[in-house]
Amino acid sequence: MASWGANIRMAIATVIVFWTPVEILGRINFFNEFWVEPEKYAWQMTAILLGFIALGVYLWFKGKKRKTKENQGN
């Protein structure tokens, strides 16, 4: 906990350094970003949605399993 301040300050600086080229390339239209025209990228959007759903189901089952295990221990 004592070093969180320094870690956060360093993380912010790191993100700024690494994100700057992405911002510059985005302004000169280097990227074809799928969220600008999502209707052209239906299967990619569906894949991302399925990934989030799968992650949610996995975390739900894992939490349910952990809760069941803790209740059996008491």
PDB file of N, CA and C in Angstrom:
ATOM      1  N   MET A   1       0.814  -1.186   0.000  1.00  0.00           N
ATOM      2  CA  MET A   1       0.000   0.000   0.000  1.00  0.00           C
ATOM      3  C   MET A   1       0.864   1.259   0.000  1.00  0.00           C
ATOM      4  N   ALA A   2       1.981   1.208   0.662  1.00  0.00           N
ATOM      5  CA  ALA A   2       2.815   2.401   0.771  1.00  0.00           C
ATOM      6  C   ALA A   2       3.403   2.812  -0.578  1.00  0.00           C
ATOM      7  N   SER A   3       3.632   1.859  -1.466  1.00  0.00           N
ATOM      8  CA  SER A   3       4.267   2.192  -2.755  1.00  0.00           C
ATOM      9  C   SER A   3       3.258   2.392  -3.879  1.00  0.00           C
ATOM     10  N   TRP A   4       1.979   2.388  -3.587  1.00  0.00           N
ATOM     11  CA  TRP A   4       0.972   2.549  -4.641  1.00  0.00           C
ATOM     12  C   TRP A   4       1.103   3.886  -5.346  1.00  0.00           C
ATOM     13  N   GLY A   5       1.379   4.937  -4.602  1.00  0.00           N
ATOM     14  CA  GLY A   5       1.490   6.262  -5.209  1.00  0.00           C
ATOM     15  C   GLY A   5       2.553   6.309  -6.280  1.00  0.00           C
ATOM     16  N   ALA A   6       3.723   5.789  -5.964  1.00  0.00           N
ATOM     17  CA  ALA A   6       4.821   5.762  -6.936  1.00  0.00           C
ATOM     18  C   ALA A   6       4.473   4.860  -8.118  1.00  0.00           C
ATOM     19  N   ASN A   7       3.839   3.746  -7.845  1.00  0.00           N
ATOM     20  CA  ASN A   7       3.465   2.823  -8.925  1.00  0.00           C
ATOM     21  C   ASN A   7       2.456   3.458  -9.869  1.00  0.00           C
ATOM     22  N   ILE A   8       1.491   4.165  -9.321  1.00  0.00           N
ATOM     23  CA  ILE A   8       0.481   4.807 -10.164  1.00  0.00           C
ATOM     24  C   ILE A   8       1.110   5.921 -10.993  1.00  0.00           C
ATOM     25  N   ARG A   9       1.986   6.695 -10.385  1.00  0.00           N
ATOM     26  CA  ARG A   9       2.660   7.761 -11.142  1.00  0.00           C
ATOM     27  C   ARG A   9       3.470   7.168 -12.298  1.00  0.00           C
ATOM     28  N   MET A  10       4.159   6.078 -12.061  1.00  0.00           N
ATOM     29  CA  MET A  10       4.961   5.448 -13.108  1.00  0.00           C
ATOM     30  C   MET A  10       4.064   4.823 -14.178  1.00  0.00           C
ATOM     31  N   ALA A  11       2.951   4.239 -13.773  1.00  0.00           N
ATOM     32  CA  ALA A  11       2.029   3.628 -14.736  1.00  0.00           C
ATOM     33  C   ALA A  11       1.428   4.678 -15.661  1.00  0.00           C
ATOM     34  N   ILE A  12       1.057   5.824 -15.118  1.00  0.00           N
ATOM     35  CA  ILE A  12       0.481   6.888 -15.940  1.00  0.00           C
ATOM     36  C   ILE A  12       1.502   7.359 -16.969  1.00  0.00           C
ATOM     37  N   ALA A  13       2.722   7.557 -16.567  1.00  0.00           N
ATOM     38  CA  ALA A  13       3.772   7.990 -17.501  1.00  0.00           C
ATOM     39  C   ALA A  13       4.008   6.941 -18.587  1.00  0.00           C
ATOM     40  N   THR A  14       3.993   5.681 -18.214  1.00  0.00           N
ATOM     41  CA  THR A  14       4.216   4.604 -19.176  1.00  0.00           C
ATOM     42  C   THR A  14       3.095   4.567 -20.205  1.00  0.00           C
ATOM     43  N   VAL A  15       1.857   4.708 -19.751  1.00  0.00           N
ATOM     44  CA  VAL A  15       0.721   4.699 -20.669  1.00  0.00           C
ATOM     45  C   VAL A  15       0.815   5.880 -21.634  1.00  0.00           C
ATOM     46  N   ILE A  16       1.186   7.036 -21.139  1.00  0.00           N
ATOM     47  CA  ILE A  16       1.308   8.208 -22.013  1.00  0.00           C
ATOM     48  C   ILE A  16       2.359   7.955 -23.090  1.00  0.00           C
ATOM     49  N   VAL A  17       3.496   7.412 -22.706  1.00  0.00           N
ATOM     50  CA  VAL A  17       4.575   7.166 -23.671  1.00  0.00           C
ATOM     51  C   VAL A  17       4.151   6.151 -24.722  1.00  0.00           C
ATOM     52  N   PHE A  18       3.513   5.065 -24.314  1.00  0.00           N
ATOM     53  CA  PHE A  18       3.147   4.022 -25.268  1.00  0.00           C
ATOM     54  C   PHE A  18       1.884   4.336 -26.055  1.00  0.00           C
ATOM     55  N   TRP A  19       0.987   5.176 -25.551  1.00  0.00           N
ATOM     56  CA  TRP A  19      -0.263   5.475 -26.238  1.00  0.00           C
ATOM     57  C   TRP A  19      -0.102   6.617 -27.245  1.00  0.00           C
ATOM     58  N   THR A  20       0.915   7.452 -27.103  1.00  0.00           N
ATOM     59  CA  THR A  20       1.110   8.590 -27.999  1.00  0.00           C
ATOM     60  C   THR A  20       1.194   8.172 -29.469  1.00  0.00           C
ATOM     61  N   PRO A  21       1.978   7.146 -29.842  1.00  0.00           N
ATOM     62  CA  PRO A  21       1.997   6.741 -31.265  1.00  0.00           C
ATOM     63  C   PRO A  21       0.632   6.270 -31.755  1.00  0.00           C
ATOM     64  N   VAL A  22      -0.139   5.626 -30.906  1.00  0.00           N
ATOM     65  CA  VAL A  22      -1.475   5.170 -31.306  1.00  0.00           C
ATOM     66  C   VAL A  22      -2.354   6.376 -31.627  1.00  0.00           C
ATOM     67  N   GLU A  23      -2.296   7.397 -30.798  1.00  0.00           N
ATOM     68  CA  GLU A  23      -3.081   8.609 -31.040  1.00  0.00           C
ATOM     69  C   GLU A  23      -2.650   9.286 -32.335  1.00  0.00           C
ATOM     70  N   ILE A  24      -1.363   9.384 -32.562  1.00  0.00           N
ATOM     71  CA  ILE A  24      -0.856  10.040 -33.782  1.00  0.00           C
ATOM     72  C   ILE A  24      -1.289   9.267 -35.020  1.00  0.00           C
ATOM     73  N   LEU A  25      -1.112   7.962 -35.004  1.00  0.00           N
ATOM     74  CA  LEU A  25      -1.514   7.143 -36.158  1.00  0.00           C
ATOM     75  C   LEU A  25      -3.025   7.178 -36.370  1.00  0.00           C
ATOM     76  N   GLY A  26      -3.783   7.264 -35.297  1.00  0.00           N
ATOM     77  CA  GLY A  26      -5.236   7.359 -35.427  1.00  0.00           C
ATOM     78  C   GLY A  26      -5.671   8.656 -36.079  1.00  0.00           C
ATOM     79  N   ARG A  27      -4.972   9.739 -35.808  1.00  0.00           N
ATOM     80  CA  ARG A  27      -5.332  11.042 -36.386  1.00  0.00           C
ATOM     81  C   ARG A  27      -5.016  11.128 -37.876  1.00  0.00           C
ATOM     82  N   ILE A  28      -4.086  10.326 -38.348  1.00  0.00           N
ATOM     83  CA  ILE A  28      -3.796  10.333 -39.792  1.00  0.00           C
ATOM     84  C   ILE A  28      -4.502   9.170 -40.493  1.00  0.00           C
ATOM     85  N   ASN A  29      -5.509   8.603 -39.812  1.00  0.00           N
ATOM     86  CA  ASN A  29      -6.352   7.522 -40.367  1.00  0.00           C
ATOM     87  C   ASN A  29      -5.552   6.307 -40.798  1.00  0.00           C
ATOM     88  N   PHE A  30      -4.573   5.933 -39.995  1.00  0.00           N
ATOM     89  CA  PHE A  30      -3.778   4.738 -40.263  1.00  0.00           C
ATOM     90  C   PHE A  30      -4.562   3.468 -39.947  1.00  0.00           C
ATOM     91  N   PHE A  31      -5.403   3.553 -38.912  1.00  0.00           N
ATOM     92  CA  PHE A  31      -6.161   2.385 -38.462  1.00  0.00           C
ATOM     93  C   PHE A  31      -7.560   2.383 -39.066  1.00  0.00           C
ATOM     94  N   ASN A  32      -8.046   1.193 -39.370  1.00  0.00           N
ATOM     95  CA  ASN A  32      -9.448   1.006 -39.716  1.00  0.00           C
ATOM     96  C   ASN A  32     -10.132   0.488 -38.458  1.00  0.00           C
ATOM     97  N   GLU A  33     -10.697   1.392 -37.698  1.00  0.00           N
ATOM     98  CA  GLU A  33     -11.258   1.020 -36.406  1.00  0.00           C
ATOM     99  C   GLU A  33     -12.666   0.474 -36.582  1.00  0.00           C
ATOM    100  N   PHE A  34     -12.894  -0.722 -36.082  1.00  0.00           N
ATOM    101  CA  PHE A  34     -14.167  -1.387 -36.328  1.00  0.00           C
ATOM    102  C   PHE A  34     -15.316  -0.785 -35.549  1.00  0.00           C
ATOM    103  N   TRP A  35     -15.049  -0.028 -34.490  1.00  0.00           N
ATOM    104  CA  TRP A  35     -16.165   0.559 -33.747  1.00  0.00           C
ATOM    105  C   TRP A  35     -16.675   1.839 -34.404  1.00  0.00           C
ATOM    106  N   VAL A  36     -15.973   2.348 -35.420  1.00  0.00           N
ATOM    107  CA  VAL A  36     -16.456   3.517 -36.156  1.00  0.00           C
ATOM    108  C   VAL A  36     -17.593   3.111 -37.086  1.00  0.00           C
ATOM    109  N   GLU A  37     -17.452   1.966 -37.733  1.00  0.00           N
ATOM    110  CA  GLU A  37     -18.482   1.432 -38.628  1.00  0.00           C
ATOM    111  C   GLU A  37     -18.757  -0.026 -38.251  1.00  0.00           C
ATOM    112  N   PRO A  38     -19.456  -0.262 -37.124  1.00  0.00           N
ATOM    113  CA  PRO A  38     -19.628  -1.638 -36.642  1.00  0.00           C
ATOM    114  C   PRO A  38     -20.444  -2.528 -37.571  1.00  0.00           C
ATOM    115  N   GLU A  39     -21.310  -1.946 -38.398  1.00  0.00           N
ATOM    116  CA  GLU A  39     -22.129  -2.780 -39.289  1.00  0.00           C
ATOM    117  C   GLU A  39     -21.287  -3.496 -40.339  1.00  0.00           C
ATOM    118  N   LYS A  40     -20.087  -3.000 -40.618  1.00  0.00           N
ATOM    119  CA  LYS A  40     -19.197  -3.650 -41.584  1.00  0.00           C
ATOM    120  C   LYS A  40     -18.397  -4.788 -40.952  1.00  0.00           C
ATOM    121  N   TYR A  41     -18.402  -4.868 -39.643  1.00  0.00           N
ATOM    122  CA  TYR A  41     -17.583  -5.851 -38.930  1.00  0.00           C
ATOM    123  C   TYR A  41     -18.451  -6.675 -37.985  1.00  0.00           C
ATOM    124  N   ALA A  42     -19.524  -7.227 -38.493  1.00  0.00           N
ATOM    125  CA  ALA A  42     -20.493  -7.934 -37.648  1.00  0.00           C
ATOM    126  C   ALA A  42     -19.872  -9.162 -36.976  1.00  0.00           C
ATOM    127  N   TRP A  43     -19.092  -9.946 -37.693  1.00  0.00           N
ATOM    128  CA  TRP A  43     -18.565 -11.175 -37.079  1.00  0.00           C
ATOM    129  C   TRP A  43     -17.510 -10.859 -36.031  1.00  0.00           C
ATOM    130  N   GLN A  44     -16.731  -9.787 -36.213  1.00  0.00           N
ATOM    131  CA  GLN A  44     -15.751  -9.404 -35.198  1.00  0.00           C
ATOM    132  C   GLN A  44     -16.454  -8.929 -33.926  1.00  0.00           C
ATOM    133  N   MET A  45     -17.511  -8.133 -34.106  1.00  0.00           N
ATOM    134  CA  MET A  45     -18.276  -7.654 -32.952  1.00  0.00           C
ATOM    135  C   MET A  45     -18.931  -8.832 -32.223  1.00  0.00           C
ATOM    136  N   THR A  46     -19.434  -9.795 -32.981  1.00  0.00           N
ATOM    137  CA  THR A  46     -20.039 -10.987 -32.387  1.00  0.00           C
ATOM    138  C   THR A  46     -18.992 -11.797 -31.629  1.00  0.00           C
ATOM    139  N   ALA A  47     -17.798 -11.918 -32.182  1.00  0.00           N
ATOM    140  CA  ALA A  47     -16.725 -12.658 -31.509  1.00  0.00           C
ATOM    141  C   ALA A  47     -16.340 -11.982 -30.196  1.00  0.00           C
ATOM    142  N   ILE A  48     -16.270 -10.663 -30.187  1.00  0.00           N
ATOM    143  CA  ILE A  48     -15.951  -9.939 -28.955  1.00  0.00           C
ATOM    144  C   ILE A  48     -17.061 -10.135 -27.926  1.00  0.00           C
ATOM    145  N   LEU A  49     -18.315 -10.037 -28.364  1.00  0.00           N
ATOM    146  CA  LEU A  49     -19.446 -10.254 -27.469  1.00  0.00           C
ATOM    147  C   LEU A  49     -19.422 -11.661 -26.879  1.00  0.00           C
ATOM    148  N   LEU A  50     -19.174 -12.665 -27.715  1.00  0.00           N
ATOM    149  CA  LEU A  50     -19.099 -14.046 -27.222  1.00  0.00           C
ATOM    150  C   LEU A  50     -17.940 -14.224 -26.243  1.00  0.00           C
ATOM    151  N   GLY A  51     -16.836 -13.548 -26.496  1.00  0.00           N
ATOM    152  CA  GLY A  51     -15.704 -13.607 -25.573  1.00  0.00           C
ATOM    153  C   GLY A  51     -16.067 -13.051 -24.203  1.00  0.00           C
ATOM    154  N   PHE A  52     -16.765 -11.909 -24.179  1.00  0.00           N
ATOM    155  CA  PHE A  52     -17.190 -11.327 -22.910  1.00  0.00           C
ATOM    156  C   PHE A  52     -18.209 -12.217 -22.195  1.00  0.00           C
ATOM    157  N   ILE A  53     -19.115 -12.796 -22.959  1.00  0.00           N
ATOM    158  CA  ILE A  53     -20.107 -13.701 -22.356  1.00  0.00           C
ATOM    159  C   ILE A  53     -19.406 -14.917 -21.761  1.00  0.00           C
ATOM    160  N   ALA A  54     -18.464 -15.497 -22.504  1.00  0.00           N
ATOM    161  CA  ALA A  54     -17.728 -16.660 -22.003  1.00  0.00           C
ATOM    162  C   ALA A  54     -16.940 -16.310 -20.742  1.00  0.00           C
ATOM    163  N   LEU A  55     -16.303 -15.147 -20.726  1.00  0.00           N
ATOM    164  CA  LEU A  55     -15.578 -14.713 -19.538  1.00  0.00           C
ATOM    165  C   LEU A  55     -16.525 -14.537 -18.357  1.00  0.00           C
ATOM    166  N   GLY A  56     -17.676 -13.933 -18.589  1.00  0.00           N
ATOM    167  CA  GLY A  56     -18.662 -13.745 -17.523  1.00  0.00           C
ATOM    168  C   GLY A  56     -19.151 -15.066 -16.956  1.00  0.00           C
ATOM    169  N   VAL A  57     -19.447 -16.024 -17.833  1.00  0.00           N
ATOM    170  CA  VAL A  57     -19.911 -17.346 -17.377  1.00  0.00           C
ATOM    171  C   VAL A  57     -18.806 -18.045 -16.596  1.00  0.00           C
ATOM    172  N   TYR A  58     -17.578 -17.976 -17.085  1.00  0.00           N
ATOM    173  CA  TYR A  58     -16.448 -18.595 -16.388  1.00  0.00           C
ATOM    174  C   TYR A  58     -16.275 -18.006 -14.988  1.00  0.00           C
ATOM    175  N   LEU A  59     -16.298 -16.674 -14.897  1.00  0.00           N
ATOM    176  CA  LEU A  59     -16.134 -16.034 -13.589  1.00  0.00           C
ATOM    177  C   LEU A  59     -17.293 -16.344 -12.658  1.00  0.00           C
ATOM    178  N   TRP A  60     -18.499 -16.445 -13.219  1.00  0.00           N
ATOM    179  CA  TRP A  60     -19.666 -16.783 -12.400  1.00  0.00           C
ATOM    180  C   TRP A  60     -19.522 -18.190 -11.831  1.00  0.00           C
ATOM    181  N   PHE A  61     -19.152 -19.168 -12.675  1.00  0.00           N
ATOM    182  CA  PHE A  61     -18.978 -20.535 -12.199  1.00  0.00           C
ATOM    183  C   PHE A  61     -17.837 -20.638 -11.192  1.00  0.00           C
ATOM    184  N   LYS A  62     -16.759 -19.938 -11.459  1.00  0.00           N
ATOM    185  CA  LYS A  62     -15.623 -19.971 -10.545  1.00  0.00           C
ATOM    186  C   LYS A  62     -16.007 -19.381  -9.190  1.00  0.00           C
ATOM    187  N   GLY A  63     -16.732 -18.272  -9.184  1.00  0.00           N
ATOM    188  CA  GLY A  63     -17.195 -17.678  -7.936  1.00  0.00           C
ATOM    189  C   GLY A  63     -18.171 -18.579  -7.202  1.00  0.00           C
ATOM    190  N   LYS A  64     -19.061 -19.222  -7.945  1.00  0.00           N
ATOM    191  CA  LYS A  64     -20.030 -20.147  -7.338  1.00  0.00           C
ATOM    192  C   LYS A  64     -19.307 -21.346  -6.719  1.00  0.00           C
ATOM    193  N   LYS A  65     -18.305 -21.852  -7.421  1.00  0.00           N
ATOM    194  CA  LYS A  65     -17.534 -22.989  -6.923  1.00  0.00           C
ATOM    195  C   LYS A  65     -16.766 -22.602  -5.656  1.00  0.00           C
ATOM    196  N   ARG A  66     -16.170 -21.412  -5.649  1.00  0.00           N
ATOM    197  CA  ARG A  66     -15.422 -20.945  -4.486  1.00  0.00           C
ATOM    198  C   ARG A  66     -16.358 -20.766  -3.287  1.00  0.00           C
ATOM    199  N   LYS A  67     -17.527 -20.193  -3.543  1.00  0.00           N
ATOM    200  CA  LYS A  67     -18.493 -19.972  -2.464  1.00  0.00           C
ATOM    201  C   LYS A  67     -18.956 -21.319  -1.879  1.00  0.00           C
ATOM    202  N   THR A  68     -19.199 -22.291  -2.729  1.00  0.00           N
ATOM    203  CA  THR A  68     -19.603 -23.615  -2.279  1.00  0.00           C
ATOM    204  C   THR A  68     -18.495 -24.260  -1.458  1.00  0.00           C
ATOM    205  N   LYS A  69     -17.268 -24.110  -1.901  1.00  0.00           N
ATOM    206  CA  LYS A  69     -16.117 -24.688  -1.189  1.00  0.00           C
ATOM    207  C   LYS A  69     -15.961 -24.025   0.182  1.00  0.00           C
ATOM    208  N   GLU A  70     -16.138 -22.696   0.259  1.00  0.00           N
ATOM    209  CA  GLU A  70     -16.017 -21.996   1.541  1.00  0.00           C
ATOM    210  C   GLU A  70     -17.124 -22.397   2.504  1.00  0.00           C
ATOM    211  N   ASN A  71     -18.339 -22.603   1.979  1.00  0.00           N
ATOM    212  CA  ASN A  71     -19.459 -22.996   2.825  1.00  0.00           C
ATOM    213  C   ASN A  71     -19.276 -24.403   3.379  1.00  0.00           C
ATOM    214  N   GLN A  72     -18.643 -25.274   2.632  1.00  0.00           N
ATOM    215  CA  GLN A  72     -18.413 -26.640   3.096  1.00  0.00           C
ATOM    216  C   GLN A  72     -17.340 -26.665   4.190  1.00  0.00           C
ATOM    217  N   GLY A  73     -16.434 -25.713   4.141  1.00  0.00           N
ATOM    218  CA  GLY A  73     -15.355 -25.651   5.128  1.00  0.00           C
ATOM    219  C   GLY A  73     -15.838 -25.164   6.477  1.00  0.00           C
ATOM    220  N   ASN A  74     -16.950 -24.446   6.540  1.00  0.00           N
ATOM    221  CA  ASN A  74     -17.454 -23.890   7.807  1.00  0.00           C
ATOM    222  C   ASN A  74     -18.289 -24.859   8.551  1.00  0.00           C
TER     223      ASN A  74
END
